[in-house]
């Protein structure tokens, strides 16, 4: 009897341990997006435009703060140290304006572009610790910076025409520009650059092979455009933006656009949301598509639902076959984000999202979210 009792006790303990392990595993798998506070030093009426991460303890987010009702704000840089976001001082940088974009080729090689209150372009460079001004290309109104494959590229305009520039080690070299407008780049190498944009024929993606641009219309609908592109391989490329809209009642939402290239043709991908804009695509640690951010996401309610259009998912996780939907967390005193920009942490499953959300009395406030 004693031996049998011990066997039953051992069996019961094994069952209990199995149950605990299963519950622990299930809890570990229930990851979600969490709100991360900004530093207290960030003043009211601030917003973030973009972020970049080079490791679990190194990330930067840029934007503007102290924006008055009729006055420009000041350039804003936040740095993640692995524990919290801290505001970085910009010694010697006293102009008013905002930082629009940030990218990094290495932990000690970080670039940011912006514009001052007079409309002039600003180019900043960091060694990972401190920021300093760098001379921007002459006559170019800069809007974005992109890095990848050891390369650094800029998007801007000169004299009303699109401009693309590449860092050649000594300075900035003008590069050919594909037809239409370029909004985003994925730089893989000097001879392997993908551009997302629009032309008169619709949303367009172009590929630079080191000699010329080859452009393809990925969705031929008027006013359609893509602003993000992610090249996984020569036979898998993704592009996201908006599907365009003409006519209809004023204020009607615009459908999002997500297109995929399979090596032969571009096809539109069905998403579990009906309206909004794909504002960011980000890869997994292996380089495949990981996340799609949809700003101002909305979808049709079930038949007979009131109202007929309800909020849709803000983030879509892609597992290679289908999407998993995620909503951004509710933040007390703030409305939903009006901008979602993703920044993956290399070598991990962690992803940052930065942007801005509505605050009290028609103000706006910075928003930082994290998934891991």
Protein backbone atom coordinates (compact mmCIF):
# COMPACT_ATOMS: atom_id res chain seq x y z
CA UNK A 1 0.00 0.00 0.00
CA UNK A 2 2.79 2.42 0.87
CA UNK A 3 4.54 1.69 -2.43
CA UNK A 4 1.27 2.25 -4.34
CA UNK A 5 0.68 5.51 -2.47
CA UNK A 6 4.15 6.71 -3.42
CA UNK A 7 3.49 5.81 -7.06
CA UNK A 8 0.22 7.73 -7.02
CA UNK A 9 1.97 10.71 -5.43
CA UNK A 10 4.72 10.64 -8.07
CA UNK A 11 2.12 10.34 -10.84
CA UNK A 12 0.11 13.25 -9.43
CA UNK A 13 3.27 15.36 -9.16
CA UNK A 14 4.18 14.57 -12.76
CA UNK A 15 0.72 15.59 -13.95
CA UNK A 16 0.94 18.80 -11.91
CA UNK A 17 4.38 19.66 -13.32
CA UNK A 18 3.17 18.97 -16.85
CA UNK A 19 0.21 21.28 -16.28
CA UNK A 20 2.43 24.02 -14.83
CA UNK A 21 4.83 23.70 -17.77
CA UNK A 22 1.96 23.91 -20.26
CA UNK A 23 0.50 26.95 -18.53
CA UNK A 24 3.92 28.62 -18.36
CA UNK A 25 4.51 27.96 -22.04
CA UNK A 26 1.09 29.35 -22.91
CA UNK A 27 1.76 32.45 -20.81
CA UNK A 28 5.13 32.93 -22.50
CA UNK A 29 3.46 32.80 -25.91
CA UNK A 30 0.87 35.46 -25.12
CA UNK A 31 3.07 38.38 -26.12
CA UNK A 32 1.39 41.69 -26.76
CA UNK A 33 2.07 45.32 -27.54
CA UNK A 34 2.83 47.36 -24.45
CA UNK A 35 2.92 51.11 -23.92
CA UNK A 36 6.34 52.46 -22.89
CA UNK A 37 6.43 55.95 -21.33
CA UNK A 38 8.53 58.74 -22.75
CA UNK A 39 10.99 60.61 -20.51
CA UNK A 40 9.56 63.23 -18.17
CA UNK A 41 11.86 65.82 -19.78
CA UNK A 42 9.84 65.68 -23.01
CA UNK A 43 7.60 68.70 -22.99
CA UNK A 44 3.88 68.75 -23.85
CA UNK A 45 2.81 68.80 -27.49
CA UNK A 46 5.50 66.47 -28.84
CA UNK A 47 5.57 63.76 -31.48
CA UNK A 48 7.87 61.08 -32.86
CA UNK A 49 8.40 60.38 -36.56
CA UNK A 50 10.73 57.39 -36.76
CA UNK A 51 13.01 55.05 -34.81
CA UNK A 52 15.95 52.71 -35.40
CA UNK A 53 17.41 49.96 -33.21
CA UNK A 54 20.85 48.39 -33.45
CA UNK A 55 20.54 46.10 -30.42
CA UNK A 56 18.52 45.35 -27.27
CA UNK A 57 20.14 48.27 -25.44
CA UNK A 58 20.55 50.76 -28.28
CA UNK A 59 17.74 52.46 -30.13
CA UNK A 60 16.94 56.02 -31.14
CA UNK A 61 13.67 57.80 -31.86
CA UNK A 62 13.41 61.26 -33.43
CA UNK A 63 10.73 63.91 -33.74
CA UNK A 64 9.87 67.28 -32.26
CA UNK A 65 8.60 68.72 -28.99
CA UNK A 66 7.22 71.93 -27.47
CA UNK A 67 5.19 72.66 -30.59
CA UNK A 68 2.99 75.68 -29.95
CA UNK A 69 -0.33 76.49 -31.55
CA UNK A 70 1.44 78.71 -34.06
CA UNK A 71 5.10 78.15 -33.25
CA UNK A 72 7.57 75.48 -34.37
CA UNK A 73 9.00 73.06 -31.86
CA UNK A 74 12.53 71.86 -31.25
CA UNK A 75 14.33 68.78 -32.62
CA UNK A 76 13.88 65.79 -30.33
CA UNK A 77 16.07 62.69 -29.93
CA UNK A 78 15.30 59.87 -27.49
CA UNK A 79 17.70 57.02 -26.74
CA UNK A 80 16.88 53.57 -25.34
CA UNK A 81 19.56 52.21 -23.00
CA UNK A 82 18.03 48.79 -22.40
CA UNK A 83 16.02 49.96 -19.40
CA UNK A 84 14.31 53.21 -20.30
CA UNK A 85 14.06 55.94 -22.90
CA UNK A 86 16.11 59.04 -22.16
CA UNK A 87 16.19 62.39 -23.89
CA UNK A 88 19.53 63.10 -25.57
CA UNK A 89 21.01 66.56 -25.45
CA UNK A 90 21.80 68.23 -28.77
CA UNK A 91 24.73 70.42 -27.80
CA UNK A 92 25.27 73.29 -30.20
CA UNK A 93 22.04 72.56 -32.08
CA UNK A 94 19.79 75.53 -31.32
CA UNK A 95 17.54 75.78 -34.35
CA UNK A 96 13.82 75.20 -34.14
CA UNK A 97 12.15 72.54 -36.25
CA UNK A 98 11.87 68.76 -36.26
CA UNK A 99 13.73 65.59 -37.10
CA UNK A 100 11.94 63.52 -39.73
CA UNK A 101 13.93 60.33 -40.11
CA UNK A 102 16.70 58.28 -38.49
CA UNK A 103 18.82 55.31 -39.63
CA UNK A 104 22.04 53.57 -38.61
CA UNK A 105 24.75 51.63 -40.39
CA UNK A 106 26.41 50.67 -37.09
CA UNK A 107 26.04 51.44 -33.35
CA UNK A 108 28.45 54.36 -33.76
CA UNK A 109 27.19 55.53 -37.15
CA UNK A 110 23.70 57.00 -36.81
CA UNK A 111 22.13 59.55 -39.16
CA UNK A 112 19.09 61.81 -38.80
CA UNK A 113 17.54 64.28 -41.22
CA UNK A 114 15.20 67.13 -40.44
CA UNK A 115 14.13 70.62 -41.33
CA UNK A 116 14.28 73.89 -39.46
CA UNK A 117 11.52 76.46 -39.06
CA UNK A 118 12.76 78.33 -42.14
CA UNK A 119 12.38 75.21 -44.28
CA UNK A 120 16.11 74.47 -44.46
CA UNK A 121 17.43 70.92 -44.45
CA UNK A 122 19.34 69.62 -41.46
CA UNK A 123 21.56 66.56 -41.35
CA UNK A 124 22.79 65.17 -38.02
CA UNK A 125 25.30 62.43 -37.31
CA UNK A 126 25.97 60.53 -34.09
CA UNK A 127 28.86 58.38 -32.92
CA UNK A 128 26.42 56.53 -30.67
CA UNK A 129 26.89 58.99 -27.83
CA UNK A 130 26.75 62.58 -29.06
CA UNK A 131 25.12 64.28 -32.05
CA UNK A 132 26.66 66.91 -34.29
CA UNK A 133 25.61 68.78 -37.40
CA UNK A 134 26.80 67.49 -40.76
CA UNK A 135 26.74 69.50 -43.96
CA UNK A 136 23.65 68.50 -46.00
CA UNK A 137 23.83 68.15 -49.78
CA UNK A 138 23.58 71.58 -51.40
CA UNK A 139 20.13 72.73 -52.47
CA UNK A 140 18.34 69.53 -51.42
CA UNK A 141 15.28 69.52 -49.15
CA UNK A 142 15.80 66.28 -47.26
CA UNK A 143 12.94 64.10 -46.02
CA UNK A 144 14.27 60.58 -45.30
CA UNK A 145 17.45 58.64 -44.61
CA UNK A 146 17.92 54.89 -45.20
CA UNK A 147 20.75 52.49 -44.47
CA UNK A 148 21.52 48.87 -45.28
CA UNK A 149 24.31 46.72 -46.64
CA UNK A 150 26.86 49.28 -45.46
CA UNK A 151 25.12 51.92 -47.57
CA UNK A 152 23.49 55.25 -46.65
CA UNK A 153 20.94 56.90 -48.96
CA UNK A 154 18.90 60.10 -48.73
CA UNK A 155 15.54 61.05 -50.22
CA UNK A 156 14.72 64.67 -50.91
CA UNK A 157 13.92 67.18 -53.60
CA UNK A 158 15.84 69.84 -55.49
CA UNK A 159 14.12 72.57 -57.45
CA UNK A 160 10.80 70.77 -57.23
CA UNK A 161 12.22 67.52 -58.62
CA UNK A 162 12.86 64.30 -56.73
CA UNK A 163 16.44 63.71 -55.57
CA UNK A 164 18.20 60.55 -54.39
CA UNK A 165 21.68 60.68 -52.91
CA UNK A 166 24.19 58.02 -51.87
CA UNK A 167 27.06 58.34 -49.43
CA UNK A 168 30.24 57.42 -51.30
CA UNK A 169 32.73 57.73 -48.42
CA UNK A 170 33.74 61.33 -49.16
CA UNK A 171 30.41 63.00 -49.65
CA UNK A 172 26.97 62.69 -51.20
CA UNK A 173 26.61 61.53 -54.77
CA UNK A 174 23.49 62.24 -56.84
CA UNK A 175 21.88 59.07 -58.11
CA UNK A 176 19.43 58.49 -60.97
CA UNK A 177 15.78 58.70 -59.96
CA UNK A 178 13.02 56.35 -61.15
CA UNK A 179 9.91 57.87 -62.77
CA UNK A 180 7.33 59.37 -60.45
CA UNK A 181 7.88 59.86 -56.73
CA UNK A 182 9.89 57.78 -54.25
CA UNK A 183 8.66 57.59 -50.65
CA UNK A 184 10.70 54.73 -49.20
CA UNK A 185 13.76 52.56 -49.84
CA UNK A 186 15.08 49.17 -48.85
CA UNK A 187 18.85 49.24 -49.33
CA UNK A 188 20.46 45.81 -49.47
CA UNK A 189 23.68 46.67 -51.33
CA UNK A 190 25.08 49.33 -53.66
CA UNK A 191 23.65 47.40 -56.61
CA UNK A 192 20.50 46.13 -54.91
CA UNK A 193 18.13 48.91 -53.84
CA UNK A 194 14.33 48.80 -53.87
CA UNK A 195 12.22 51.96 -54.04
CA UNK A 196 8.55 52.33 -53.08
CA UNK A 197 6.51 55.14 -54.56
CA UNK A 198 3.95 56.21 -57.11
CA UNK A 199 3.66 57.21 -60.74
CA UNK A 200 0.85 58.48 -62.93
CA UNK A 201 -0.10 54.83 -63.52
CA UNK A 202 -0.47 53.93 -59.83
CA UNK A 203 1.61 52.48 -57.00
CA UNK A 204 5.11 51.64 -58.21
CA UNK A 205 8.14 49.68 -57.02
CA UNK A 206 11.53 50.16 -58.67
CA UNK A 207 14.75 48.16 -58.44
CA UNK A 208 18.26 49.58 -58.79
CA UNK A 209 20.80 47.06 -60.10
CA UNK A 210 23.79 49.39 -59.95
CA UNK A 211 23.25 50.66 -63.47
CA UNK A 212 19.59 51.56 -63.89
CA UNK A 213 16.15 51.52 -62.32
CA UNK A 214 13.59 48.97 -63.42
CA UNK A 215 10.08 50.03 -62.44
CA UNK A 216 6.92 47.96 -62.08
CA UNK A 217 3.38 49.14 -61.38
CA UNK A 218 2.26 46.99 -58.46
CA UNK A 219 -1.29 48.34 -58.33
CA UNK A 220 -2.62 50.35 -61.24
CA UNK A 221 -5.31 52.40 -59.51
CA UNK A 222 -5.33 56.22 -59.64
CA UNK A 223 -3.69 57.86 -56.62
CA UNK A 224 -2.50 54.54 -55.23
CA UNK A 225 0.97 54.67 -53.67
CA UNK A 226 3.36 52.59 -51.61
CA UNK A 227 5.74 54.09 -49.06
CA UNK A 228 7.36 50.97 -47.58
CA UNK A 229 9.14 48.12 -49.34
CA UNK A 230 10.78 44.99 -47.94
CA UNK A 231 12.87 42.73 -50.18
CA UNK A 232 13.20 39.30 -48.61
CA UNK A 233 14.71 37.65 -51.71
CA UNK A 234 14.59 38.07 -55.51
CA UNK A 235 11.38 36.03 -55.46
CA UNK A 236 9.74 37.64 -52.41
CA UNK A 237 9.26 41.40 -52.15
CA UNK A 238 6.55 43.24 -50.20
CA UNK A 239 5.25 46.79 -50.60
CA UNK A 240 2.68 48.66 -48.51
CA UNK A 241 0.76 51.92 -48.75
CA UNK A 242 -2.71 53.03 -49.78
CA UNK A 243 -5.00 51.79 -52.55
CA UNK A 244 -6.10 55.25 -53.66
CA UNK A 245 -9.61 56.59 -54.06
CA UNK A 246 -11.51 58.81 -56.47
CA UNK A 247 -15.08 60.06 -56.03
CA UNK A 248 -17.55 59.09 -53.35
CA UNK A 249 -18.65 61.00 -50.27
CA UNK A 250 -16.16 63.40 -48.62
CA UNK A 251 -14.19 61.86 -45.80
CA UNK A 252 -14.61 58.31 -47.00
CA UNK A 253 -11.73 56.17 -45.69
CA UNK A 254 -9.05 55.03 -48.11
CA UNK A 255 -8.27 51.30 -48.38
CA UNK A 256 -4.80 50.06 -47.40
CA UNK A 257 -2.57 48.43 -49.98
CA UNK A 258 -0.27 45.46 -49.43
CA UNK A 259 1.29 43.84 -52.49
CA UNK A 260 3.64 40.87 -52.87
CA UNK A 261 6.06 39.92 -55.65
CA UNK A 262 6.63 36.19 -56.18
CA UNK A 263 9.45 36.49 -58.69
CA UNK A 264 7.11 36.79 -61.66
CA UNK A 265 4.25 39.13 -60.82
CA UNK A 266 2.90 41.48 -58.15
CA UNK A 267 -0.36 40.52 -56.47
CA UNK A 268 -2.47 42.36 -53.94
CA UNK A 269 -2.62 40.65 -50.53
CA UNK A 270 -5.91 40.50 -48.62
CA UNK A 271 -5.64 41.93 -45.11
CA UNK A 272 -8.08 41.68 -42.17
CA UNK A 273 -8.82 45.42 -42.38
CA UNK A 274 -10.71 47.48 -44.95
CA UNK A 275 -9.46 51.03 -44.50
CA UNK A 276 -6.29 52.80 -43.41
CA UNK A 277 -2.71 53.08 -44.61
CA UNK A 278 0.17 50.63 -44.40
CA UNK A 279 2.84 52.86 -42.91
CA UNK A 280 5.55 50.36 -42.06
CA UNK A 281 6.83 46.87 -42.90
CA UNK A 282 9.46 45.22 -40.77
CA UNK A 283 11.37 41.94 -41.02
CA UNK A 284 11.92 39.11 -38.58
CA UNK A 285 15.41 38.27 -37.35
CA UNK A 286 15.78 35.97 -40.38
CA UNK A 287 14.82 38.73 -42.83
CA UNK A 288 11.33 37.54 -43.80
CA UNK A 289 8.27 39.72 -43.36
CA UNK A 290 7.37 39.96 -39.69
CA UNK A 291 5.01 42.89 -39.13
CA UNK A 292 2.70 45.24 -41.00
CA UNK A 293 1.58 48.47 -39.31
CA UNK A 294 -1.75 49.96 -40.43
CA UNK A 295 -2.37 53.54 -39.34
CA UNK A 296 -6.00 54.59 -38.78
CA UNK A 297 -7.12 51.02 -39.38
CA UNK A 298 -10.86 50.46 -39.79
CA UNK A 299 -13.02 47.59 -40.98
CA UNK A 300 -16.64 46.85 -41.78
CA UNK A 301 -18.73 45.72 -38.84
CA UNK A 302 -20.60 42.41 -39.12
CA UNK A 303 -23.85 42.65 -41.12
CA UNK A 304 -26.33 44.80 -39.25
CA UNK A 305 -23.65 46.19 -36.97
CA UNK A 306 -23.91 49.75 -35.68
CA UNK A 307 -21.85 51.72 -36.53
CA UNK A 308 -21.15 50.08 -39.90
CA UNK A 309 -17.42 50.80 -39.67
CA UNK A 310 -15.42 49.89 -36.53
CA UNK A 311 -11.75 50.07 -35.53
CA UNK A 312 -9.51 47.52 -37.21
CA UNK A 313 -6.22 45.90 -36.14
CA UNK A 314 -3.24 48.25 -35.83
CA UNK A 315 -0.55 45.59 -36.23
CA UNK A 316 -0.52 42.42 -38.32
CA UNK A 317 2.00 39.68 -37.57
CA UNK A 318 2.81 37.47 -40.57
CA UNK A 319 3.82 33.84 -39.97
CA UNK A 320 4.42 32.98 -43.62
CA UNK A 321 0.83 31.87 -44.21
CA UNK A 322 -1.57 34.21 -42.45
CA UNK A 323 -1.89 37.30 -40.27
CA UNK A 324 -2.45 37.53 -36.53
CA UNK A 325 -4.22 40.73 -35.52
CA UNK A 326 -3.07 43.01 -32.69
CA UNK A 327 -4.50 46.25 -31.35
CA UNK A 328 -2.41 48.96 -29.78
CA UNK A 329 -2.95 49.25 -26.02
CA UNK A 330 -5.28 51.88 -24.62
CA UNK A 331 -3.47 54.79 -22.98
CA UNK A 332 -5.36 56.85 -20.41
CA UNK A 333 -6.07 60.40 -21.56
CA UNK A 334 -4.95 59.73 -25.12
CA UNK A 335 -6.62 58.63 -28.33
CA UNK A 336 -5.34 56.11 -30.87
CA UNK A 337 -2.11 56.67 -32.76
CA UNK A 338 -2.20 58.78 -35.90
CA UNK A 339 1.20 57.43 -36.97
CA UNK A 340 2.82 54.00 -36.52
CA UNK A 341 6.47 53.48 -37.52
CA UNK A 342 8.13 50.14 -36.79
CA UNK A 343 11.74 49.47 -35.81
CA UNK A 344 12.87 45.85 -35.26
CA UNK A 345 15.62 45.00 -32.79
CA UNK A 346 18.21 43.00 -34.78
CA UNK A 347 18.62 39.36 -33.78
CA UNK A 348 15.51 39.34 -31.57
CA UNK A 349 11.73 39.16 -31.85
CA UNK A 350 11.36 42.58 -30.21
CA UNK A 351 9.82 45.39 -32.27
CA UNK A 352 9.39 49.06 -31.44
CA UNK A 353 6.61 51.29 -32.76
CA UNK A 354 6.84 55.07 -32.47
CA UNK A 355 4.57 57.88 -33.59
CA UNK A 356 2.09 60.27 -32.12
CA UNK A 357 -1.39 60.12 -30.69
CA UNK A 358 -4.14 62.57 -29.87
CA UNK A 359 -3.93 64.30 -26.50
CA UNK A 360 -6.36 66.47 -24.55
CA UNK A 361 -7.96 69.54 -26.16
CA UNK A 362 -6.86 68.74 -29.72
CA UNK A 363 -3.18 68.45 -28.81
CA UNK A 364 -0.89 65.57 -29.74
CA UNK A 365 1.52 63.49 -27.70
CA UNK A 366 4.40 61.06 -28.44
CA UNK A 367 3.58 57.36 -28.46
CA UNK A 368 6.06 54.51 -27.95
CA UNK A 369 4.97 50.85 -28.04
CA UNK A 370 6.96 47.65 -27.72
CA UNK A 371 6.29 44.02 -28.64
CA UNK A 372 8.32 41.15 -27.26
